[in-house]
Amino acid sequence: MDFKTFAFFLFSLVLVYAGLRVITARNPVHSAMFLVLSFFTAACLWMLLEAEFLAITLVLVYIGAVMVLFLFVVMMLDINLDRLREGFWRWFPVGALVAFIMVLEMGVMLWQPFGAAEMPAPHPQPADYSNTKALGRLLYTEYVYPFEIAAVILLVAIVAAIALTLRRRPGTKHQDPAKQVIVRRQDRVRLISMPAERSEK
């Protein structure tokens, strides 16, 4: 067994263990930390497949930004763990069915003739090969329309999320630009004439 095969099995075992601990850990903070570990090991597997750009993106974007934000939110929230576990056994059959379907799909993919033995191993690339350049050329030429459609869908999702969170709540302070533009000096400033008083020492 060479080093690359050993590293693949090592990262795969760590990824499976971290994925199981994400859903079995009792503390939500521990679940988020195990999710960070699973992202990191997945990035290591992508490095073995010579997908350096995707691996670095996974580390920088998901681990460095998204998961850190999730971790801060989980740590700031006062989560009642006993209340979260109340409906566990009620939804356990549904979760077990979904897990069985996922395991069955993975078994079908690994079984012949869909197995990994039929898939060719990745060919070694020359020293001047750039994974980022090849991905960008493919993304902006052959898949430019699906890429733009995905960008529009994400933009609509962001606008919808902002519209849902900006609800009018009683007691909140907000500004109305339309009223600020039409305001007059007489509405804001009032001059009062007061007699002068002389202080006696």
N, C-alpha and C. Protein backbone atom coordinates (compact mmCIF):
# COMPACT_ATOMS: atom_id res chain seq x y z
N MET A 1 0.85 -1.19 0.00
CA MET A 1 0.00 0.00 0.00
C MET A 1 0.89 1.25 0.00
N ASP A 2 0.68 2.09 -0.98
CA ASP A 2 1.47 3.31 -1.06
C ASP A 2 0.90 4.38 -0.14
N PHE A 3 1.61 5.51 -0.08
CA PHE A 3 1.20 6.58 0.84
C PHE A 3 -0.12 7.21 0.43
N LYS A 4 -0.37 7.34 -0.87
CA LYS A 4 -1.61 7.97 -1.34
C LYS A 4 -2.82 7.13 -0.96
N THR A 5 -2.72 5.80 -1.10
CA THR A 5 -3.83 4.93 -0.71
C THR A 5 -4.04 4.95 0.79
N PHE A 6 -2.94 4.95 1.55
CA PHE A 6 -3.06 5.03 3.01
C PHE A 6 -3.72 6.32 3.44
N ALA A 7 -3.33 7.45 2.82
CA ALA A 7 -3.94 8.73 3.17
C ALA A 7 -5.42 8.76 2.80
N PHE A 8 -5.77 8.12 1.68
CA PHE A 8 -7.18 8.09 1.28
C PHE A 8 -8.02 7.35 2.31
N PHE A 9 -7.58 6.18 2.74
CA PHE A 9 -8.35 5.42 3.73
C PHE A 9 -8.37 6.12 5.09
N LEU A 10 -7.27 6.78 5.44
CA LEU A 10 -7.23 7.49 6.71
C LEU A 10 -8.21 8.65 6.72
N PHE A 11 -8.19 9.48 5.68
CA PHE A 11 -9.12 10.61 5.61
C PHE A 11 -10.56 10.14 5.47
N SER A 12 -10.79 9.04 4.79
CA SER A 12 -12.15 8.52 4.65
C SER A 12 -12.71 8.06 5.98
N LEU A 13 -11.89 7.35 6.77
CA LEU A 13 -12.34 6.92 8.10
C LEU A 13 -12.63 8.10 9.01
N VAL A 14 -11.75 9.10 8.97
CA VAL A 14 -11.98 10.29 9.80
C VAL A 14 -13.23 11.03 9.35
N LEU A 15 -13.48 11.09 8.03
CA LEU A 15 -14.67 11.76 7.51
C LEU A 15 -15.95 11.04 7.93
N VAL A 16 -15.96 9.71 7.86
CA VAL A 16 -17.14 8.96 8.27
C VAL A 16 -17.38 9.12 9.77
N TYR A 17 -16.32 9.06 10.56
CA TYR A 17 -16.47 9.24 12.01
C TYR A 17 -16.98 10.63 12.35
N ALA A 18 -16.41 11.66 11.70
CA ALA A 18 -16.86 13.03 11.97
C ALA A 18 -18.31 13.24 11.55
N GLY A 19 -18.70 12.64 10.41
CA GLY A 19 -20.10 12.77 9.98
C GLY A 19 -21.06 12.11 10.95
N LEU A 20 -20.67 10.95 11.51
CA LEU A 20 -21.52 10.30 12.51
C LEU A 20 -21.60 11.12 13.79
N ARG A 21 -20.50 11.72 14.19
CA ARG A 21 -20.51 12.51 15.42
C ARG A 21 -21.28 13.81 15.26
N VAL A 22 -21.43 14.29 14.04
CA VAL A 22 -22.23 15.50 13.83
C VAL A 22 -23.67 15.27 14.25
N ILE A 23 -24.21 14.08 13.97
CA ILE A 23 -25.61 13.81 14.27
C ILE A 23 -25.81 13.08 15.59
N THR A 24 -24.73 12.60 16.21
CA THR A 24 -24.87 11.88 17.47
C THR A 24 -24.34 12.63 18.68
N ALA A 25 -23.62 13.71 18.48
CA ALA A 25 -23.10 14.47 19.61
C ALA A 25 -24.23 15.15 20.36
N ARG A 26 -24.14 15.16 21.69
CA ARG A 26 -25.20 15.75 22.50
C ARG A 26 -25.11 17.28 22.54
N ASN A 27 -23.91 17.80 22.44
CA ASN A 27 -23.72 19.25 22.51
C ASN A 27 -23.70 19.82 21.10
N PRO A 28 -24.51 20.85 20.81
CA PRO A 28 -24.50 21.44 19.46
C PRO A 28 -23.16 22.04 19.08
N VAL A 29 -22.41 22.55 20.05
CA VAL A 29 -21.09 23.11 19.75
C VAL A 29 -20.15 22.00 19.29
N HIS A 30 -20.22 20.84 19.94
CA HIS A 30 -19.40 19.71 19.52
C HIS A 30 -19.80 19.24 18.11
N SER A 31 -21.10 19.27 17.81
CA SER A 31 -21.55 18.89 16.47
C SER A 31 -20.97 19.83 15.42
N ALA A 32 -20.97 21.13 15.71
CA ALA A 32 -20.39 22.08 14.76
C ALA A 32 -18.89 21.87 14.59
N MET A 33 -18.19 21.54 15.67
CA MET A 33 -16.76 21.27 15.56
C MET A 33 -16.48 20.01 14.75
N PHE A 34 -17.30 18.98 14.93
CA PHE A 34 -17.13 17.78 14.12
C PHE A 34 -17.46 18.04 12.65
N LEU A 35 -18.39 18.96 12.39
CA LEU A 35 -18.68 19.34 11.01
C LEU A 35 -17.48 20.06 10.39
N VAL A 36 -16.80 20.88 11.16
CA VAL A 36 -15.56 21.51 10.68
C VAL A 36 -14.52 20.44 10.35
N LEU A 37 -14.41 19.42 11.21
CA LEU A 37 -13.46 18.34 10.94
C LEU A 37 -13.83 17.57 9.68
N SER A 38 -15.11 17.34 9.47
CA SER A 38 -15.53 16.63 8.26
C SER A 38 -15.25 17.45 7.01
N PHE A 39 -15.46 18.76 7.06
CA PHE A 39 -15.12 19.61 5.91
C PHE A 39 -13.62 19.57 5.63
N PHE A 40 -12.81 19.59 6.67
CA PHE A 40 -11.36 19.59 6.48
C PHE A 40 -10.89 18.28 5.86
N THR A 41 -11.41 17.16 6.34
CA THR A 41 -11.01 15.87 5.77
C THR A 41 -11.53 15.72 4.33
N ALA A 42 -12.71 16.27 4.03
CA ALA A 42 -13.19 16.25 2.65
C ALA A 42 -12.29 17.07 1.74
N ALA A 43 -11.79 18.20 2.26
CA ALA A 43 -10.84 19.00 1.48
C ALA A 43 -9.54 18.23 1.24
N CYS A 44 -9.11 17.44 2.22
CA CYS A 44 -7.91 16.61 2.03
C CYS A 44 -8.15 15.56 0.95
N LEU A 45 -9.34 14.98 0.91
CA LEU A 45 -9.65 14.02 -0.15
C LEU A 45 -9.66 14.69 -1.52
N TRP A 46 -10.15 15.91 -1.59
CA TRP A 46 -10.13 16.63 -2.87
C TRP A 46 -8.70 16.96 -3.29
N MET A 47 -7.83 17.19 -2.32
CA MET A 47 -6.43 17.41 -2.66
C MET A 47 -5.81 16.15 -3.26
N LEU A 48 -6.21 14.98 -2.75
CA LEU A 48 -5.70 13.74 -3.33
C LEU A 48 -6.21 13.54 -4.76
N LEU A 49 -7.39 14.08 -5.07
CA LEU A 49 -7.94 13.98 -6.43
C LEU A 49 -7.46 15.11 -7.33
N GLU A 50 -6.48 15.89 -6.85
CA GLU A 50 -5.90 17.00 -7.60
C GLU A 50 -6.91 18.09 -7.92
N ALA A 51 -7.86 18.28 -7.02
CA ALA A 51 -8.82 19.39 -7.13
C ALA A 51 -8.45 20.43 -6.07
N GLU A 52 -7.33 21.09 -6.30
CA GLU A 52 -6.79 22.01 -5.30
C GLU A 52 -7.68 23.22 -5.07
N PHE A 53 -8.25 23.74 -6.14
CA PHE A 53 -9.08 24.94 -6.02
C PHE A 53 -10.32 24.66 -5.15
N LEU A 54 -10.97 23.53 -5.39
CA LEU A 54 -12.15 23.19 -4.60
C LEU A 54 -11.78 22.93 -3.15
N ALA A 55 -10.64 22.31 -2.91
CA ALA A 55 -10.21 22.04 -1.54
C ALA A 55 -9.93 23.33 -0.79
N ILE A 56 -9.21 24.26 -1.41
CA ILE A 56 -8.92 25.53 -0.75
C ILE A 56 -10.19 26.34 -0.54
N THR A 57 -11.11 26.29 -1.51
CA THR A 57 -12.39 27.00 -1.37
C THR A 57 -13.20 26.43 -0.21
N LEU A 58 -13.19 25.11 -0.08
CA LEU A 58 -13.92 24.48 1.02
C LEU A 58 -13.35 24.91 2.37
N VAL A 59 -12.03 25.00 2.46
CA VAL A 59 -11.41 25.39 3.73
C VAL A 59 -11.65 26.87 4.02
N LEU A 60 -11.46 27.72 3.02
CA LEU A 60 -11.56 29.16 3.26
C LEU A 60 -13.00 29.62 3.45
N VAL A 61 -13.91 29.12 2.59
CA VAL A 61 -15.29 29.62 2.61
C VAL A 61 -16.11 28.92 3.69
N TYR A 62 -16.14 27.60 3.67
CA TYR A 62 -17.03 26.88 4.60
C TYR A 62 -16.46 26.82 6.01
N ILE A 63 -15.18 26.46 6.12
CA ILE A 63 -14.59 26.37 7.46
C ILE A 63 -14.24 27.75 8.00
N GLY A 64 -13.64 28.59 7.15
CA GLY A 64 -13.17 29.87 7.63
C GLY A 64 -14.25 30.91 7.82
N ALA A 65 -15.39 30.77 7.15
CA ALA A 65 -16.42 31.80 7.24
C ALA A 65 -17.76 31.23 7.71
N VAL A 66 -18.31 30.30 6.97
CA VAL A 66 -19.67 29.83 7.24
C VAL A 66 -19.74 29.08 8.56
N MET A 67 -18.83 28.11 8.75
CA MET A 67 -18.90 27.31 9.97
C MET A 67 -18.52 28.10 11.21
N VAL A 68 -17.61 29.06 11.08
CA VAL A 68 -17.29 29.91 12.23
C VAL A 68 -18.50 30.75 12.62
N LEU A 69 -19.23 31.26 11.62
CA LEU A 69 -20.45 32.00 11.91
C LEU A 69 -21.49 31.10 12.56
N PHE A 70 -21.68 29.88 12.05
CA PHE A 70 -22.60 28.95 12.67
C PHE A 70 -22.20 28.64 14.11
N LEU A 71 -20.91 28.48 14.33
CA LEU A 71 -20.43 28.16 15.67
C LEU A 71 -20.69 29.29 16.64
N PHE A 72 -20.47 30.52 16.21
CA PHE A 72 -20.75 31.67 17.07
C PHE A 72 -22.24 31.77 17.38
N VAL A 73 -23.09 31.52 16.38
CA VAL A 73 -24.53 31.60 16.60
C VAL A 73 -24.98 30.52 17.58
N VAL A 74 -24.46 29.31 17.42
CA VAL A 74 -24.83 28.21 18.32
C VAL A 74 -24.36 28.50 19.74
N MET A 75 -23.18 29.08 19.88
CA MET A 75 -22.66 29.38 21.22
C MET A 75 -23.42 30.52 21.88
N MET A 76 -23.94 31.47 21.09
CA MET A 76 -24.67 32.60 21.67
C MET A 76 -26.12 32.24 22.01
N LEU A 77 -26.69 31.25 21.30
CA LEU A 77 -28.07 30.90 21.56
C LEU A 77 -28.19 30.06 22.83
N ASP A 78 -29.27 30.26 23.54
CA ASP A 78 -29.55 29.47 24.74
C ASP A 78 -30.42 28.29 24.31
N ILE A 79 -29.78 27.21 23.90
CA ILE A 79 -30.49 26.05 23.37
C ILE A 79 -30.83 25.10 24.51
N ASN A 80 -32.08 24.75 24.59
CA ASN A 80 -32.54 23.77 25.59
C ASN A 80 -32.39 22.37 24.99
N LEU A 81 -31.36 21.63 25.44
CA LEU A 81 -31.08 20.33 24.87
C LEU A 81 -32.16 19.31 25.17
N ASP A 82 -32.76 19.40 26.37
CA ASP A 82 -33.82 18.44 26.72
C ASP A 82 -35.04 18.61 25.82
N ARG A 83 -35.33 19.84 25.45
CA ARG A 83 -36.48 20.07 24.57
C ARG A 83 -36.20 19.60 23.15
N LEU A 84 -34.92 19.67 22.73
CA LEU A 84 -34.59 19.19 21.39
C LEU A 84 -34.72 17.68 21.27
N ARG A 85 -34.51 16.96 22.37
CA ARG A 85 -34.56 15.50 22.32
C ARG A 85 -35.97 14.94 22.53
N GLU A 86 -36.96 15.82 22.70
CA GLU A 86 -38.30 15.31 22.99
C GLU A 86 -38.88 14.51 21.84
N GLY A 87 -38.71 14.97 20.59
CA GLY A 87 -39.30 14.27 19.45
C GLY A 87 -38.37 13.33 18.74
N PHE A 88 -37.30 12.87 19.45
CA PHE A 88 -36.33 12.00 18.79
C PHE A 88 -36.96 10.68 18.41
N TRP A 89 -37.57 9.97 19.34
CA TRP A 89 -38.11 8.64 19.06
C TRP A 89 -39.34 8.71 18.17
N ARG A 90 -40.02 9.85 18.15
CA ARG A 90 -41.18 9.97 17.28
C ARG A 90 -40.77 10.03 15.81
N TRP A 91 -39.65 10.70 15.52
CA TRP A 91 -39.17 10.82 14.15
C TRP A 91 -38.06 9.83 13.82
N PHE A 92 -37.77 8.92 14.74
CA PHE A 92 -36.71 7.94 14.49
C PHE A 92 -37.02 7.02 13.31
N PRO A 93 -38.26 6.52 13.14
CA PRO A 93 -38.52 5.66 11.96
C PRO A 93 -38.28 6.38 10.63
N VAL A 94 -38.67 7.66 10.56
CA VAL A 94 -38.46 8.40 9.32
C VAL A 94 -36.96 8.57 9.05
N GLY A 95 -36.20 8.92 10.09
CA GLY A 95 -34.76 9.06 9.93
C GLY A 95 -34.08 7.75 9.56
N ALA A 96 -34.54 6.65 10.17
CA ALA A 96 -33.97 5.35 9.84
C ALA A 96 -34.28 4.96 8.39
N LEU A 97 -35.48 5.30 7.90
CA LEU A 97 -35.82 5.01 6.51
C LEU A 97 -34.95 5.80 5.54
N VAL A 98 -34.75 7.09 5.83
CA VAL A 98 -33.89 7.92 4.98
C VAL A 98 -32.46 7.41 4.99
N ALA A 99 -31.96 7.02 6.17
CA ALA A 99 -30.61 6.49 6.27
C ALA A 99 -30.47 5.18 5.50
N PHE A 100 -31.50 4.33 5.56
CA PHE A 100 -31.45 3.07 4.82
C PHE A 100 -31.42 3.31 3.30
N ILE A 101 -32.20 4.29 2.84
CA ILE A 101 -32.21 4.61 1.40
C ILE A 101 -30.85 5.14 0.96
N MET A 102 -30.23 5.98 1.79
CA MET A 102 -28.91 6.51 1.44
C MET A 102 -27.86 5.41 1.40
N VAL A 103 -27.89 4.51 2.37
CA VAL A 103 -26.94 3.40 2.37
C VAL A 103 -27.18 2.49 1.17
N LEU A 104 -28.45 2.28 0.81
CA LEU A 104 -28.76 1.46 -0.37
C LEU A 104 -28.23 2.12 -1.65
N GLU A 105 -28.39 3.43 -1.78
CA GLU A 105 -27.88 4.12 -2.96
C GLU A 105 -26.36 4.03 -3.05
N MET A 106 -25.67 4.19 -1.91
CA MET A 106 -24.22 4.06 -1.93
C MET A 106 -23.79 2.65 -2.27
N GLY A 107 -24.56 1.64 -1.79
CA GLY A 107 -24.23 0.27 -2.13
C GLY A 107 -24.41 -0.02 -3.61
N VAL A 108 -25.46 0.57 -4.21
CA VAL A 108 -25.68 0.39 -5.64
C VAL A 108 -24.55 1.03 -6.45
N MET A 109 -24.09 2.20 -6.01
CA MET A 109 -23.01 2.86 -6.73
C MET A 109 -21.70 2.09 -6.63
N LEU A 110 -21.48 1.42 -5.50
CA LEU A 110 -20.24 0.67 -5.34
C LEU A 110 -20.33 -0.73 -5.93
N TRP A 111 -21.53 -1.18 -6.27
CA TRP A 111 -21.70 -2.52 -6.82
C TRP A 111 -21.42 -2.51 -8.32
N GLN A 112 -21.04 -3.66 -8.84
CA GLN A 112 -20.80 -3.79 -10.28
C GLN A 112 -22.12 -3.71 -11.05
N PRO A 113 -22.18 -3.09 -12.23
CA PRO A 113 -21.07 -2.49 -12.98
C PRO A 113 -20.86 -1.02 -12.69
N PHE A 114 -21.46 -0.51 -11.57
CA PHE A 114 -21.30 0.90 -11.24
C PHE A 114 -20.18 1.13 -10.24
N GLY A 115 -19.39 0.11 -9.98
CA GLY A 115 -18.40 0.19 -8.93
C GLY A 115 -17.22 1.08 -9.28
N ALA A 116 -16.41 1.30 -8.27
CA ALA A 116 -15.23 2.15 -8.47
C ALA A 116 -14.19 1.47 -9.33
N ALA A 117 -14.28 0.12 -9.47
CA ALA A 117 -13.28 -0.57 -10.30
C ALA A 117 -13.42 -0.20 -11.77
N GLU A 118 -14.64 0.20 -12.19
CA GLU A 118 -14.85 0.57 -13.58
C GLU A 118 -14.42 2.00 -13.88
N MET A 119 -14.19 2.78 -12.84
CA MET A 119 -13.82 4.18 -13.04
C MET A 119 -12.31 4.29 -13.19
N PRO A 120 -11.84 5.00 -14.19
CA PRO A 120 -10.38 5.13 -14.36
C PRO A 120 -9.79 6.03 -13.29
N ALA A 121 -8.58 5.73 -12.92
CA ALA A 121 -7.87 6.55 -11.94
C ALA A 121 -7.48 7.88 -12.57
N PRO A 122 -7.44 8.95 -11.77
CA PRO A 122 -7.06 10.25 -12.34
C PRO A 122 -5.62 10.23 -12.84
N HIS A 123 -5.42 10.75 -14.03
CA HIS A 123 -4.08 10.77 -14.61
C HIS A 123 -3.26 11.89 -13.98
N PRO A 124 -1.99 11.66 -13.76
CA PRO A 124 -1.15 12.74 -13.21
C PRO A 124 -1.00 13.88 -14.21
N GLN A 125 -1.12 15.08 -13.72
CA GLN A 125 -1.05 16.27 -14.56
C GLN A 125 0.39 16.80 -14.62
N PRO A 126 0.74 17.51 -15.67
CA PRO A 126 2.10 18.09 -15.74
C PRO A 126 2.31 19.15 -14.69
N ALA A 127 3.54 19.57 -14.56
CA ALA A 127 3.90 20.51 -13.50
C ALA A 127 3.29 21.89 -13.72
N ASP A 128 3.09 22.31 -14.97
CA ASP A 128 2.52 23.62 -15.25
C ASP A 128 1.00 23.61 -15.33
N TYR A 129 0.36 22.53 -14.88
CA TYR A 129 -1.11 22.44 -14.94
C TYR A 129 -1.71 23.27 -13.82
N SER A 130 -2.75 24.04 -14.14
CA SER A 130 -3.44 24.87 -13.16
C SER A 130 -4.89 24.39 -13.06
N ASN A 131 -5.23 23.87 -11.91
CA ASN A 131 -6.60 23.41 -11.69
C ASN A 131 -7.59 24.56 -11.71
N THR A 132 -7.19 25.70 -11.18
CA THR A 132 -8.06 26.87 -11.16
C THR A 132 -8.33 27.39 -12.57
N LYS A 133 -7.30 27.42 -13.40
CA LYS A 133 -7.46 27.89 -14.78
C LYS A 133 -8.37 26.95 -15.57
N ALA A 134 -8.18 25.65 -15.42
CA ALA A 134 -9.02 24.69 -16.14
C ALA A 134 -10.46 24.76 -15.68
N LEU A 135 -10.67 24.91 -14.38
CA LEU A 135 -12.03 25.02 -13.87
C LEU A 135 -12.71 26.30 -14.34
N GLY A 136 -11.98 27.41 -14.34
CA GLY A 136 -12.55 28.66 -14.81
C GLY A 136 -12.89 28.63 -16.29
N ARG A 137 -12.00 28.04 -17.09
CA ARG A 137 -12.28 27.94 -18.52
C ARG A 137 -13.52 27.08 -18.79
N LEU A 138 -13.66 25.99 -18.05
CA LEU A 138 -14.82 25.13 -18.25
C LEU A 138 -16.10 25.77 -17.72
N LEU A 139 -15.97 26.52 -16.62
CA LEU A 139 -17.16 27.11 -15.99
C LEU A 139 -17.72 28.26 -16.81
N TYR A 140 -16.85 29.05 -17.43
CA TYR A 140 -17.29 30.24 -18.16
C TYR A 140 -17.42 30.01 -19.66
N THR A 141 -17.29 28.79 -20.12
CA THR A 141 -17.49 28.49 -21.54
C THR A 141 -18.63 27.49 -21.72
N GLU A 142 -18.44 26.30 -21.22
CA GLU A 142 -19.44 25.24 -21.44
C GLU A 142 -20.61 25.33 -20.48
N TYR A 143 -20.34 25.74 -19.25
CA TYR A 143 -21.38 25.78 -18.23
C TYR A 143 -21.72 27.21 -17.82
N VAL A 144 -21.59 28.17 -18.73
CA VAL A 144 -21.82 29.56 -18.37
C VAL A 144 -23.30 29.82 -18.08
N TYR A 145 -24.22 29.22 -18.84
CA TYR A 145 -25.65 29.45 -18.60
C TYR A 145 -26.13 28.82 -17.29
N PRO A 146 -25.80 27.57 -16.99
CA PRO A 146 -26.17 27.06 -15.66
C PRO A 146 -25.54 27.86 -14.52
N PHE A 147 -24.32 28.35 -14.73
CA PHE A 147 -23.67 29.16 -13.70
C PHE A 147 -24.43 30.47 -13.46
N GLU A 148 -24.84 31.13 -14.53
CA GLU A 148 -25.60 32.37 -14.38
C GLU A 148 -26.97 32.12 -13.77
N ILE A 149 -27.62 31.02 -14.16
CA ILE A 149 -28.93 30.69 -13.57
C ILE A 149 -28.80 30.43 -12.08
N ALA A 150 -27.75 29.72 -11.68
CA ALA A 150 -27.53 29.49 -10.25
C ALA A 150 -27.27 30.79 -9.51
N ALA A 151 -26.55 31.72 -10.14
CA ALA A 151 -26.30 33.02 -9.51
C ALA A 151 -27.60 33.81 -9.32
N VAL A 152 -28.49 33.76 -10.32
CA VAL A 152 -29.78 34.46 -10.21
C VAL A 152 -30.64 33.84 -9.11
N ILE A 153 -30.62 32.51 -9.03
CA ILE A 153 -31.40 31.83 -7.98
C ILE A 153 -30.89 32.21 -6.59
N LEU A 154 -29.58 32.26 -6.43
CA LEU A 154 -29.01 32.66 -5.14
C LEU A 154 -29.34 34.12 -4.82
N LEU A 155 -29.34 34.98 -5.83
CA LEU A 155 -29.70 36.38 -5.61
C LEU A 155 -31.15 36.51 -5.17
N VAL A 156 -32.04 35.76 -5.80
CA VAL A 156 -33.45 35.78 -5.40
C VAL A 156 -33.61 35.26 -3.98
N ALA A 157 -32.85 34.23 -3.62
CA ALA A 157 -32.92 33.69 -2.26
C ALA A 157 -32.44 34.71 -1.23
N ILE A 158 -31.38 35.45 -1.56
CA ILE A 158 -30.89 36.48 -0.64
C ILE A 158 -31.92 37.59 -0.46
N VAL A 159 -32.51 38.04 -1.57
CA VAL A 159 -33.53 39.09 -1.48
C VAL A 159 -34.74 38.61 -0.68
N ALA A 160 -35.15 37.37 -0.90
CA ALA A 160 -36.29 36.82 -0.15
C ALA A 160 -35.97 36.71 1.34
N ALA A 161 -34.75 36.29 1.67
CA ALA A 161 -34.39 36.19 3.09
C ALA A 161 -34.37 37.56 3.75
N ILE A 162 -33.87 38.57 3.06
CA ILE A 162 -33.87 39.93 3.62
C ILE A 162 -35.29 40.45 3.76
N ALA A 163 -36.15 40.17 2.78
CA ALA A 163 -37.54 40.64 2.85
C ALA A 163 -38.29 39.96 3.99
N LEU A 164 -37.99 38.70 4.27
CA LEU A 164 -38.67 38.01 5.35
C LEU A 164 -38.21 38.49 6.72
N THR A 165 -36.95 38.88 6.83
CA THR A 165 -36.46 39.32 8.13
C THR A 165 -36.77 40.77 8.43
N LEU A 166 -37.01 41.60 7.41
CA LEU A 166 -37.31 43.01 7.62
C LEU A 166 -38.80 43.24 7.78
N ARG A 167 -39.38 42.62 8.75
CA ARG A 167 -40.80 42.82 9.04
C ARG A 167 -40.98 44.00 9.99
N ARG A 168 -42.15 44.61 9.89
CA ARG A 168 -42.45 45.73 10.77
C ARG A 168 -42.80 45.20 12.15
N ARG A 169 -41.95 45.48 13.10
CA ARG A 169 -42.19 45.04 14.48
C ARG A 169 -42.49 46.27 15.34
N PRO A 170 -43.41 46.14 16.28
CA PRO A 170 -43.69 47.29 17.15
C PRO A 170 -42.50 47.56 18.08
N GLY A 171 -42.20 48.84 18.22
CA GLY A 171 -41.12 49.23 19.10
C GLY A 171 -39.77 49.37 18.44
N THR A 172 -39.64 48.98 17.18
CA THR A 172 -38.36 49.11 16.49
C THR A 172 -38.25 50.50 15.85
N LYS A 173 -37.06 51.03 15.82
CA LYS A 173 -36.80 52.35 15.25
C LYS A 173 -36.29 52.17 13.83
N HIS A 174 -36.87 52.91 12.92
CA HIS A 174 -36.46 52.86 11.52
C HIS A 174 -36.64 54.23 10.90
N GLN A 175 -36.01 54.43 9.79
CA GLN A 175 -36.07 55.71 9.08
C GLN A 175 -36.89 55.55 7.80
N ASP A 176 -37.61 56.63 7.48
CA ASP A 176 -38.39 56.69 6.25
C ASP A 176 -37.75 57.75 5.35
N PRO A 177 -37.01 57.37 4.33
CA PRO A 177 -36.34 58.38 3.49
C PRO A 177 -37.32 59.33 2.80
N ALA A 178 -38.52 58.84 2.47
CA ALA A 178 -39.49 59.72 1.80
C ALA A 178 -39.90 60.88 2.70
N LYS A 179 -40.09 60.61 3.98
CA LYS A 179 -40.45 61.69 4.90
C LYS A 179 -39.26 62.59 5.21
N GLN A 180 -38.05 62.03 5.16
CA GLN A 180 -36.88 62.86 5.41
C GLN A 180 -36.65 63.86 4.28
N VAL A 181 -37.00 63.49 3.05
CA VAL A 181 -36.76 64.37 1.91
C VAL A 181 -37.72 65.56 1.91
N ILE A 182 -38.98 65.34 2.28
CA ILE A 182 -39.98 66.41 2.20
C ILE A 182 -40.08 67.23 3.48
N VAL A 183 -39.18 67.04 4.41
CA VAL A 183 -39.26 67.79 5.66
C VAL A 183 -38.92 69.27 5.41
N ARG A 184 -39.52 70.14 6.20
CA ARG A 184 -39.28 71.58 6.10
C ARG A 184 -38.63 72.10 7.38
N ARG A 185 -38.04 73.27 7.25
CA ARG A 185 -37.37 73.85 8.43
C ARG A 185 -38.37 74.19 9.51
N GLN A 186 -39.57 74.64 9.09
CA GLN A 186 -40.57 75.02 10.09
C GLN A 186 -41.04 73.80 10.90
N ASP A 187 -40.91 72.62 10.34
CA ASP A 187 -41.35 71.43 11.07
C ASP A 187 -40.34 70.95 12.11
N ARG A 188 -39.09 71.35 11.96
CA ARG A 188 -38.05 70.85 12.85
C ARG A 188 -37.46 71.93 13.77
N VAL A 189 -37.43 73.18 13.30
CA VAL A 189 -36.76 74.25 14.05
C VAL A 189 -37.80 75.28 14.47
N ARG A 190 -37.75 75.70 15.71
CA ARG A 190 -38.64 76.75 16.22
C ARG A 190 -37.80 77.77 16.98
N LEU A 191 -37.90 79.02 16.55
CA LEU A 191 -37.14 80.10 17.17
C LEU A 191 -37.99 80.74 18.25
N ILE A 192 -37.41 80.90 19.40
CA ILE A 192 -38.11 81.48 20.56
C ILE A 192 -37.37 82.75 20.96
N SER A 193 -38.11 83.83 21.14
CA SER A 193 -37.55 85.10 21.58
C SER A 193 -37.64 85.18 23.11
N MET A 194 -36.53 85.24 23.75
CA MET A 194 -36.47 85.29 25.21
C MET A 194 -35.77 86.56 25.66
N PRO A 195 -36.29 87.23 26.67
CA PRO A 195 -35.61 88.44 27.16
C PRO A 195 -34.28 88.09 27.81
N ALA A 196 -33.35 89.01 27.62
CA ALA A 196 -32.04 88.78 28.20
C ALA A 196 -32.06 89.05 29.68
N GLU A 197 -31.37 88.27 30.43
CA GLU A 197 -31.29 88.44 31.89
C GLU A 197 -29.86 88.74 32.26
N ARG A 198 -29.73 89.71 33.20
CA ARG A 198 -28.42 90.10 33.67
C ARG A 198 -28.17 89.43 35.03
N SER A 199 -27.08 88.76 35.09
CA SER A 199 -26.75 88.08 36.34
C SER A 199 -26.08 89.07 37.28
N GLU A 200 -26.51 89.10 38.49
CA GLU A 200 -25.94 89.97 39.50
C GLU A 200 -25.00 89.21 40.40
N LYS A 201 -23.80 89.75 40.55
CA LYS A 201 -22.81 89.10 41.39
C LYS A 201 -22.75 89.77 42.75
